[in-house]
Every structure is written in C-alpha cells, then in structure tokens.
Amino acid sequence: MRNRLLLPRKCRAVGLLLLPFAIALLIAYYQFDFSLSFLKYHLVDGQQPDIFAKEADIVFRRGFSADYTGTVAMVVTFASLFMIAFARLQHEDEYVEYMRLRAMQLSVYANYLILVVTALVFFSTTFLMVMEINLFTILILFILIFNYSIHIKPKMS
C-alpha cells in the first residue's frame, strides 16, 4: 500500500542535517539572547511602515523594531522535525503504517497530558515559554515512539 502523503526518503537526511543547527540557534536565542543581524527589522521615527500607508500609524510613531531570529529558529526546527517524522521509509507496508498511526496517537495523548500538567504548574510568562517548547513535543514524541516501535522493539522480542 502506497501512502502518497509521506515525504521522499531524502527529506529525512535533510531534516537530520538541519536539526542540530536549528536547536543550537533556538538555545542561543532563548538562553544567551543571540541574534542574527540580518533578521533584525527597525523602523525609525517618521518612516512609513509600508508603501500604502497615507500617514504613520499610531503604533509606529515612536519607531518599531523586531528580531526574527527566534521565529526563523522555530520554523527551521519545525521543518526539520516534520521532515524526520514524515519521510518515507525504505520498506513501507501495512505494519509501518499501523505503527505510524499508533505512534501519532500515543504522542498526542502524551502531549495533552504534558499540556494539562504544565497548565497546573506554570503561570504567567513562564507558561508561555513552556507552551512554545510544548509545540515541538508531538513531533519529538512521535519520532521517538515510531523509531522505537520500528527499530528497537522488534529486536527485543
């Protein structure tokens, strides 16, 4: 049975190659306030925010600056985890499809359990930081459970 929704096998290697750099950038951004200069955006006083604005918006009157380093790091991390998780294996059959479904189901259950626990334990901005990290848990848990059930569990029995 051929699943057309899976990515090509090469995407797994690309995801594995990108993941360490993306995680390093995430850690550097959140722990050490690292920033890439070409991802900074600064709107100076009096400058029009876009070409269609007739006059400066009240939000942009005193200037505006943004740093997209964290956003790029999160997007690259999502993309690399997605490529690792949903790349086609060399031998795709009904067993692998069943294991994918089971791993996804278990990872969603575990993610919601983590969500409930963090909602009870963390508050304020710490809760938001934990939720940003929690965005990755479904994919990470899926990858761990799926690879365990495909590669390690059959060798144990």
N, C-alpha and C. Protein backbone atom coordinates (compact mmCIF):
# COMPACT_ATOMS: atom_id res chain seq x y z
N MET A 1 0.83 -1.18 0.00
CA MET A 1 0.00 0.00 0.00
C MET A 1 0.88 1.24 0.00
N ARG A 2 0.62 2.13 -0.92
CA ARG A 2 1.47 3.30 -1.07
C ARG A 2 0.78 4.52 -0.46
N ASN A 3 1.43 5.12 0.52
CA ASN A 3 0.91 6.32 1.16
C ASN A 3 1.48 7.53 0.43
N ARG A 4 0.64 8.27 -0.22
CA ARG A 4 1.09 9.41 -1.02
C ARG A 4 1.35 10.66 -0.18
N LEU A 5 0.97 10.64 1.08
CA LEU A 5 1.14 11.81 1.93
C LEU A 5 2.52 11.90 2.57
N LEU A 6 3.34 10.89 2.43
CA LEU A 6 4.67 10.91 3.02
C LEU A 6 5.65 11.66 2.14
N LEU A 7 6.66 12.21 2.78
CA LEU A 7 7.72 12.92 2.05
C LEU A 7 8.71 11.91 1.47
N PRO A 8 9.50 12.32 0.48
CA PRO A 8 10.53 11.41 -0.05
C PRO A 8 11.57 11.04 1.02
N ARG A 9 12.26 9.93 0.80
CA ARG A 9 13.24 9.43 1.77
C ARG A 9 14.37 10.41 2.03
N LYS A 10 14.74 11.21 1.04
CA LYS A 10 15.85 12.15 1.19
C LYS A 10 15.54 13.25 2.21
N CYS A 11 14.27 13.52 2.43
CA CYS A 11 13.90 14.56 3.39
C CYS A 11 14.34 14.23 4.81
N ARG A 12 14.40 12.95 5.13
CA ARG A 12 14.84 12.54 6.46
C ARG A 12 16.30 12.97 6.69
N ALA A 13 17.14 12.76 5.69
CA ALA A 13 18.55 13.16 5.82
C ALA A 13 18.68 14.68 5.92
N VAL A 14 17.89 15.41 5.15
CA VAL A 14 17.92 16.87 5.21
C VAL A 14 17.46 17.34 6.59
N GLY A 15 16.41 16.72 7.12
CA GLY A 15 15.92 17.08 8.45
C GLY A 15 16.94 16.78 9.53
N LEU A 16 17.60 15.63 9.43
CA LEU A 16 18.64 15.28 10.41
C LEU A 16 19.84 16.22 10.32
N LEU A 17 20.10 16.74 9.13
CA LEU A 17 21.20 17.68 8.95
C LEU A 17 20.86 19.06 9.51
N LEU A 18 19.61 19.50 9.34
CA LEU A 18 19.20 20.82 9.81
C LEU A 18 18.92 20.89 11.30
N LEU A 19 18.48 19.79 11.89
CA LEU A 19 18.02 19.80 13.27
C LEU A 19 19.06 20.29 14.28
N PRO A 20 20.30 19.84 14.26
CA PRO A 20 21.27 20.35 15.26
C PRO A 20 21.50 21.85 15.16
N PHE A 21 21.54 22.38 13.93
CA PHE A 21 21.73 23.83 13.76
C PHE A 21 20.52 24.60 14.27
N ALA A 22 19.32 24.09 14.00
CA ALA A 22 18.11 24.77 14.44
C ALA A 22 17.99 24.77 15.96
N ILE A 23 18.30 23.63 16.58
CA ILE A 23 18.24 23.56 18.04
C ILE A 23 19.31 24.44 18.67
N ALA A 24 20.49 24.47 18.08
CA ALA A 24 21.55 25.34 18.60
C ALA A 24 21.14 26.81 18.49
N LEU A 25 20.50 27.18 17.39
CA LEU A 25 20.03 28.56 17.23
C LEU A 25 18.93 28.88 18.23
N LEU A 26 18.02 27.94 18.47
CA LEU A 26 16.97 28.15 19.48
C LEU A 26 17.56 28.35 20.87
N ILE A 27 18.50 27.50 21.25
CA ILE A 27 19.12 27.62 22.56
C ILE A 27 19.90 28.93 22.68
N ALA A 28 20.63 29.28 21.65
CA ALA A 28 21.40 30.53 21.67
C ALA A 28 20.48 31.74 21.77
N TYR A 29 19.36 31.69 21.08
CA TYR A 29 18.43 32.82 21.10
C TYR A 29 17.75 32.97 22.45
N TYR A 30 17.24 31.88 23.00
CA TYR A 30 16.48 31.96 24.24
C TYR A 30 17.36 32.04 25.49
N GLN A 31 18.51 31.42 25.49
CA GLN A 31 19.34 31.41 26.69
C GLN A 31 20.38 32.53 26.73
N PHE A 32 20.91 32.88 25.55
CA PHE A 32 22.02 33.84 25.52
C PHE A 32 21.68 35.10 24.74
N ASP A 33 20.42 35.31 24.39
CA ASP A 33 19.97 36.50 23.63
C ASP A 33 20.77 36.70 22.35
N PHE A 34 21.10 35.61 21.69
CA PHE A 34 21.80 35.67 20.42
C PHE A 34 20.85 36.17 19.34
N SER A 35 21.38 36.96 18.42
CA SER A 35 20.55 37.50 17.36
C SER A 35 21.37 37.60 16.08
N LEU A 36 20.75 37.25 14.97
CA LEU A 36 21.39 37.41 13.67
C LEU A 36 21.04 38.80 13.14
N SER A 37 22.05 39.55 12.76
CA SER A 37 21.82 40.95 12.41
C SER A 37 20.93 41.12 11.17
N PHE A 38 21.00 40.22 10.21
CA PHE A 38 20.18 40.38 9.01
C PHE A 38 18.70 40.01 9.25
N LEU A 39 18.38 39.49 10.43
CA LEU A 39 16.99 39.18 10.76
C LEU A 39 16.38 40.24 11.68
N LYS A 40 17.05 41.34 11.88
CA LYS A 40 16.52 42.44 12.67
C LYS A 40 15.82 43.43 11.75
N TYR A 41 14.70 43.95 12.23
CA TYR A 41 13.94 44.93 11.47
C TYR A 41 13.74 46.14 12.36
N HIS A 42 14.08 47.31 11.85
CA HIS A 42 13.93 48.53 12.63
C HIS A 42 13.29 49.61 11.78
N LEU A 43 12.20 50.15 12.27
CA LEU A 43 11.51 51.24 11.61
C LEU A 43 11.77 52.50 12.42
N VAL A 44 12.44 53.47 11.82
CA VAL A 44 12.79 54.69 12.55
C VAL A 44 11.61 55.65 12.59
N ASP A 45 11.69 56.63 13.47
CA ASP A 45 10.61 57.61 13.63
C ASP A 45 10.30 58.31 12.32
N GLY A 46 9.01 58.42 12.03
CA GLY A 46 8.58 59.14 10.84
C GLY A 46 8.62 58.35 9.55
N GLN A 47 9.24 57.19 9.55
CA GLN A 47 9.30 56.37 8.34
C GLN A 47 7.97 55.67 8.14
N GLN A 48 7.52 55.59 6.92
CA GLN A 48 6.24 54.94 6.64
C GLN A 48 6.39 53.43 6.81
N PRO A 49 5.43 52.76 7.50
CA PRO A 49 5.54 51.32 7.70
C PRO A 49 5.38 50.52 6.42
N ASP A 50 4.60 50.98 5.48
CA ASP A 50 4.51 50.31 4.18
C ASP A 50 4.16 51.34 3.11
N ILE A 51 4.20 50.94 1.87
CA ILE A 51 4.04 51.89 0.77
C ILE A 51 2.61 52.37 0.60
N PHE A 52 1.63 51.68 1.19
CA PHE A 52 0.23 52.04 1.03
C PHE A 52 -0.29 52.93 2.16
N ALA A 53 0.52 53.18 3.18
CA ALA A 53 0.07 53.99 4.31
C ALA A 53 0.12 55.47 3.94
N LYS A 54 -0.98 56.20 4.23
CA LYS A 54 -1.03 57.63 3.94
C LYS A 54 -0.28 58.43 5.00
N GLU A 55 -0.40 57.99 6.24
CA GLU A 55 0.36 58.62 7.31
C GLU A 55 0.76 57.54 8.31
N ALA A 56 1.75 57.85 9.10
CA ALA A 56 2.28 56.85 10.04
C ALA A 56 1.20 56.44 11.03
N ASP A 57 1.06 55.17 11.23
CA ASP A 57 0.10 54.62 12.18
C ASP A 57 0.55 54.99 13.59
N ILE A 58 -0.40 55.03 14.51
CA ILE A 58 -0.08 55.40 15.89
C ILE A 58 0.87 54.39 16.54
N VAL A 59 0.82 53.15 16.09
CA VAL A 59 1.71 52.13 16.65
C VAL A 59 3.16 52.41 16.26
N PHE A 60 3.37 52.96 15.08
CA PHE A 60 4.72 53.14 14.56
C PHE A 60 5.26 54.56 14.77
N ARG A 61 4.56 55.41 15.50
CA ARG A 61 5.01 56.80 15.66
C ARG A 61 6.36 56.91 16.35
N ARG A 62 6.60 56.07 17.33
CA ARG A 62 7.87 56.14 18.07
C ARG A 62 8.89 55.15 17.55
N GLY A 63 8.65 54.60 16.42
CA GLY A 63 9.57 53.62 15.86
C GLY A 63 9.15 52.21 16.23
N PHE A 64 9.73 51.28 15.54
CA PHE A 64 9.36 49.88 15.73
C PHE A 64 10.58 49.04 15.41
N SER A 65 10.84 48.05 16.24
CA SER A 65 11.94 47.13 15.93
C SER A 65 11.51 45.72 16.28
N ALA A 66 11.99 44.79 15.51
CA ALA A 66 11.67 43.38 15.73
C ALA A 66 12.88 42.54 15.37
N ASP A 67 12.98 41.40 16.03
CA ASP A 67 14.05 40.46 15.76
C ASP A 67 13.40 39.12 15.40
N TYR A 68 13.65 38.65 14.21
CA TYR A 68 13.02 37.43 13.72
C TYR A 68 13.91 36.21 13.86
N THR A 69 14.97 36.29 14.65
CA THR A 69 15.86 35.15 14.85
C THR A 69 15.13 33.98 15.50
N GLY A 70 14.37 34.25 16.54
CA GLY A 70 13.62 33.19 17.22
C GLY A 70 12.58 32.55 16.32
N THR A 71 11.92 33.37 15.51
CA THR A 71 10.91 32.86 14.58
C THR A 71 11.54 31.95 13.54
N VAL A 72 12.65 32.37 12.98
CA VAL A 72 13.33 31.55 11.98
C VAL A 72 13.84 30.26 12.61
N ALA A 73 14.36 30.34 13.83
CA ALA A 73 14.84 29.13 14.51
C ALA A 73 13.69 28.15 14.75
N MET A 74 12.53 28.67 15.16
CA MET A 74 11.38 27.78 15.39
C MET A 74 10.88 27.16 14.09
N VAL A 75 10.82 27.94 13.03
CA VAL A 75 10.34 27.42 11.75
C VAL A 75 11.29 26.35 11.20
N VAL A 76 12.58 26.58 11.30
CA VAL A 76 13.55 25.59 10.82
C VAL A 76 13.49 24.33 11.68
N THR A 77 13.29 24.50 12.99
CA THR A 77 13.15 23.33 13.86
C THR A 77 11.90 22.54 13.51
N PHE A 78 10.78 23.24 13.32
CA PHE A 78 9.55 22.55 12.90
C PHE A 78 9.75 21.81 11.59
N ALA A 79 10.35 22.49 10.62
CA ALA A 79 10.54 21.88 9.31
C ALA A 79 11.43 20.65 9.40
N SER A 80 12.51 20.73 10.15
CA SER A 80 13.41 19.58 10.24
C SER A 80 12.74 18.41 10.99
N LEU A 81 12.02 18.69 12.06
CA LEU A 81 11.31 17.62 12.76
C LEU A 81 10.23 17.01 11.89
N PHE A 82 9.54 17.84 11.13
CA PHE A 82 8.50 17.36 10.22
C PHE A 82 9.09 16.45 9.15
N MET A 83 10.25 16.85 8.60
CA MET A 83 10.90 16.02 7.58
C MET A 83 11.37 14.69 8.15
N ILE A 84 11.87 14.71 9.38
CA ILE A 84 12.31 13.47 10.01
C ILE A 84 11.12 12.56 10.29
N ALA A 85 10.04 13.14 10.79
CA ALA A 85 8.89 12.34 11.21
C ALA A 85 8.13 11.73 10.04
N PHE A 86 7.98 12.47 8.96
CA PHE A 86 7.07 12.03 7.90
C PHE A 86 7.77 11.69 6.59
N ALA A 87 9.03 11.34 6.68
CA ALA A 87 9.74 10.85 5.49
C ALA A 87 9.45 9.36 5.32
N ARG A 88 9.35 8.96 4.10
CA ARG A 88 9.06 7.57 3.76
C ARG A 88 10.23 6.68 4.17
N LEU A 89 9.91 5.50 4.70
CA LEU A 89 10.94 4.51 4.99
C LEU A 89 11.26 3.71 3.73
N GLN A 90 12.34 2.95 3.77
CA GLN A 90 12.73 2.17 2.61
C GLN A 90 11.67 1.12 2.27
N HIS A 91 11.13 0.47 3.29
CA HIS A 91 10.09 -0.54 3.08
C HIS A 91 8.83 -0.10 3.80
N GLU A 92 7.90 0.48 3.07
CA GLU A 92 6.62 0.91 3.64
C GLU A 92 5.60 -0.20 3.41
N ASP A 93 4.99 -0.67 4.48
CA ASP A 93 3.93 -1.68 4.36
C ASP A 93 2.85 -1.36 5.39
N GLU A 94 1.89 -2.27 5.54
CA GLU A 94 0.77 -2.04 6.45
C GLU A 94 1.22 -1.98 7.90
N TYR A 95 2.24 -2.75 8.25
CA TYR A 95 2.76 -2.74 9.61
C TYR A 95 3.35 -1.37 9.95
N VAL A 96 4.13 -0.81 9.03
CA VAL A 96 4.72 0.51 9.25
C VAL A 96 3.63 1.56 9.33
N GLU A 97 2.63 1.44 8.49
CA GLU A 97 1.51 2.38 8.53
C GLU A 97 0.77 2.30 9.87
N TYR A 98 0.56 1.09 10.37
CA TYR A 98 -0.08 0.90 11.67
C TYR A 98 0.78 1.49 12.78
N MET A 99 2.09 1.29 12.72
CA MET A 99 2.98 1.83 13.74
C MET A 99 3.01 3.36 13.69
N ARG A 100 2.93 3.94 12.50
CA ARG A 100 2.84 5.40 12.39
C ARG A 100 1.58 5.91 13.08
N LEU A 101 0.46 5.27 12.81
CA LEU A 101 -0.80 5.68 13.41
C LEU A 101 -0.77 5.54 14.92
N ARG A 102 -0.24 4.42 15.40
CA ARG A 102 -0.16 4.18 16.84
C ARG A 102 0.78 5.18 17.52
N ALA A 103 1.91 5.46 16.88
CA ALA A 103 2.86 6.42 17.44
C ALA A 103 2.26 7.83 17.48
N MET A 104 1.51 8.19 16.45
CA MET A 104 0.88 9.51 16.44
C MET A 104 -0.18 9.60 17.54
N GLN A 105 -0.95 8.55 17.71
CA GLN A 105 -1.97 8.55 18.75
C GLN A 105 -1.35 8.67 20.14
N LEU A 106 -0.31 7.89 20.41
CA LEU A 106 0.36 7.97 21.71
C LEU A 106 1.03 9.32 21.94
N SER A 107 1.60 9.90 20.89
CA SER A 107 2.25 11.20 21.05
C SER A 107 1.23 12.31 21.32
N VAL A 108 0.05 12.22 20.73
CA VAL A 108 -0.99 13.22 21.01
C VAL A 108 -1.48 13.07 22.45
N TYR A 109 -1.70 11.83 22.89
CA TYR A 109 -2.10 11.60 24.28
C TYR A 109 -1.05 12.17 25.25
N ALA A 110 0.20 11.86 25.01
CA ALA A 110 1.27 12.34 25.89
C ALA A 110 1.38 13.86 25.84
N ASN A 111 1.20 14.45 24.67
CA ASN A 111 1.28 15.90 24.54
C ASN A 111 0.18 16.57 25.36
N TYR A 112 -1.04 16.04 25.31
CA TYR A 112 -2.10 16.65 26.10
C TYR A 112 -1.92 16.42 27.59
N LEU A 113 -1.33 15.33 27.97
CA LEU A 113 -1.00 15.12 29.38
C LEU A 113 0.02 16.15 29.84
N ILE A 114 1.04 16.37 29.03
CA ILE A 114 2.04 17.40 29.34
C ILE A 114 1.39 18.78 29.39
N LEU A 115 0.47 19.04 28.48
CA LEU A 115 -0.23 20.33 28.45
C LEU A 115 -1.02 20.56 29.73
N VAL A 116 -1.73 19.55 30.21
CA VAL A 116 -2.51 19.68 31.45
C VAL A 116 -1.58 19.90 32.64
N VAL A 117 -0.51 19.14 32.72
CA VAL A 117 0.42 19.29 33.84
C VAL A 117 1.06 20.67 33.84
N THR A 118 1.49 21.16 32.68
CA THR A 118 2.10 22.49 32.63
C THR A 118 1.09 23.59 32.93
N ALA A 119 -0.17 23.40 32.55
CA ALA A 119 -1.19 24.40 32.87
C ALA A 119 -1.41 24.48 34.38
N LEU A 120 -1.23 23.36 35.08
CA LEU A 120 -1.41 23.35 36.53
C LEU A 120 -0.17 23.84 37.29
N VAL A 121 1.00 23.72 36.68
CA VAL A 121 2.24 24.01 37.39
C VAL A 121 2.79 25.41 37.08
N PHE A 122 2.75 25.84 35.82
CA PHE A 122 3.38 27.09 35.41
C PHE A 122 2.34 28.20 35.23
N PHE A 123 2.77 29.43 35.49
CA PHE A 123 1.89 30.59 35.37
C PHE A 123 2.60 31.71 34.63
N SER A 124 1.84 32.66 34.14
CA SER A 124 2.31 33.91 33.55
C SER A 124 3.21 33.66 32.34
N THR A 125 4.29 34.40 32.22
CA THR A 125 5.14 34.30 31.04
C THR A 125 5.91 32.97 31.00
N THR A 126 6.14 32.37 32.14
CA THR A 126 6.78 31.06 32.15
C THR A 126 5.90 30.04 31.45
N PHE A 127 4.60 30.14 31.64
CA PHE A 127 3.66 29.25 30.96
C PHE A 127 3.76 29.42 29.45
N LEU A 128 3.89 30.65 28.98
CA LEU A 128 4.02 30.89 27.54
C LEU A 128 5.31 30.29 26.98
N MET A 129 6.39 30.40 27.74
CA MET A 129 7.66 29.80 27.32
C MET A 129 7.55 28.28 27.25
N VAL A 130 6.90 27.70 28.24
CA VAL A 130 6.70 26.25 28.24
C VAL A 130 5.81 25.83 27.07
N MET A 131 4.82 26.64 26.73
CA MET A 131 3.94 26.33 25.60
C MET A 131 4.71 26.39 24.27
N GLU A 132 5.64 27.32 24.15
CA GLU A 132 6.48 27.36 22.95
C GLU A 132 7.30 26.08 22.82
N ILE A 133 7.83 25.61 23.91
CA ILE A 133 8.59 24.36 23.89
C ILE A 133 7.65 23.19 23.61
N ASN A 134 6.44 23.26 24.16
CA ASN A 134 5.46 22.19 24.01
C ASN A 134 4.99 22.04 22.55
N LEU A 135 5.21 23.05 21.74
CA LEU A 135 4.85 22.94 20.33
C LEU A 135 5.62 21.82 19.63
N PHE A 136 6.81 21.55 20.12
CA PHE A 136 7.65 20.53 19.49
C PHE A 136 7.39 19.12 20.01
N THR A 137 6.67 18.98 21.12
CA THR A 137 6.60 17.68 21.77
C THR A 137 5.86 16.63 20.96
N ILE A 138 4.83 17.01 20.22
CA ILE A 138 4.12 16.00 19.42
C ILE A 138 5.08 15.37 18.41
N LEU A 139 5.82 16.19 17.69
CA LEU A 139 6.75 15.64 16.69
C LEU A 139 7.88 14.86 17.33
N ILE A 140 8.44 15.37 18.42
CA ILE A 140 9.55 14.67 19.07
C ILE A 140 9.08 13.33 19.62
N LEU A 141 7.93 13.33 20.31
CA LEU A 141 7.42 12.07 20.84
C LEU A 141 7.04 11.10 19.73
N PHE A 142 6.48 11.61 18.64
CA PHE A 142 6.15 10.74 17.51
C PHE A 142 7.40 10.08 16.95
N ILE A 143 8.46 10.87 16.76
CA ILE A 143 9.71 10.32 16.22
C ILE A 143 10.27 9.26 17.17
N LEU A 144 10.28 9.55 18.47
CA LEU A 144 10.82 8.58 19.43
C LEU A 144 9.99 7.30 19.49
N ILE A 145 8.68 7.43 19.59
CA ILE A 145 7.82 6.24 19.69
C ILE A 145 7.85 5.43 18.40
N PHE A 146 7.79 6.10 17.27
CA PHE A 146 7.79 5.39 15.98
C PHE A 146 9.11 4.66 15.76
N ASN A 147 10.23 5.33 15.99
CA ASN A 147 11.52 4.67 15.79
C ASN A 147 11.74 3.54 16.79
N TYR A 148 11.25 3.71 18.02
CA TYR A 148 11.34 2.62 18.99
C TYR A 148 10.54 1.42 18.51
N SER A 149 9.31 1.64 18.05
CA SER A 149 8.45 0.52 17.66
C SER A 149 8.90 -0.13 16.36
N ILE A 150 9.59 0.59 15.50
CA ILE A 150 10.03 0.03 14.23
C ILE A 150 11.42 -0.63 14.36
N HIS A 151 12.33 0.01 15.05
CA HIS A 151 13.73 -0.45 15.07
C HIS A 151 14.14 -1.22 16.31
N ILE A 152 13.73 -0.76 17.50
CA ILE A 152 14.24 -1.34 18.73
C ILE A 152 13.34 -2.45 19.27
N LYS A 153 12.06 -2.25 19.27
CA LYS A 153 11.13 -3.22 19.83
C LYS A 153 11.18 -4.59 19.14
N PRO A 154 11.27 -4.66 17.80
CA PRO A 154 11.36 -5.98 17.17
C PRO A 154 12.64 -6.74 17.55
N LYS A 155 13.73 -6.05 17.83
CA LYS A 155 14.98 -6.70 18.22
C LYS A 155 14.93 -7.26 19.63
N MET A 156 14.05 -6.65 20.46
CA MET A 156 13.95 -7.11 21.85
C MET A 156 13.13 -8.39 21.97
N SER A 157 12.27 -8.66 21.00
CA SER A 157 11.42 -9.87 21.12
C SER A 157 11.92 -11.00 20.28
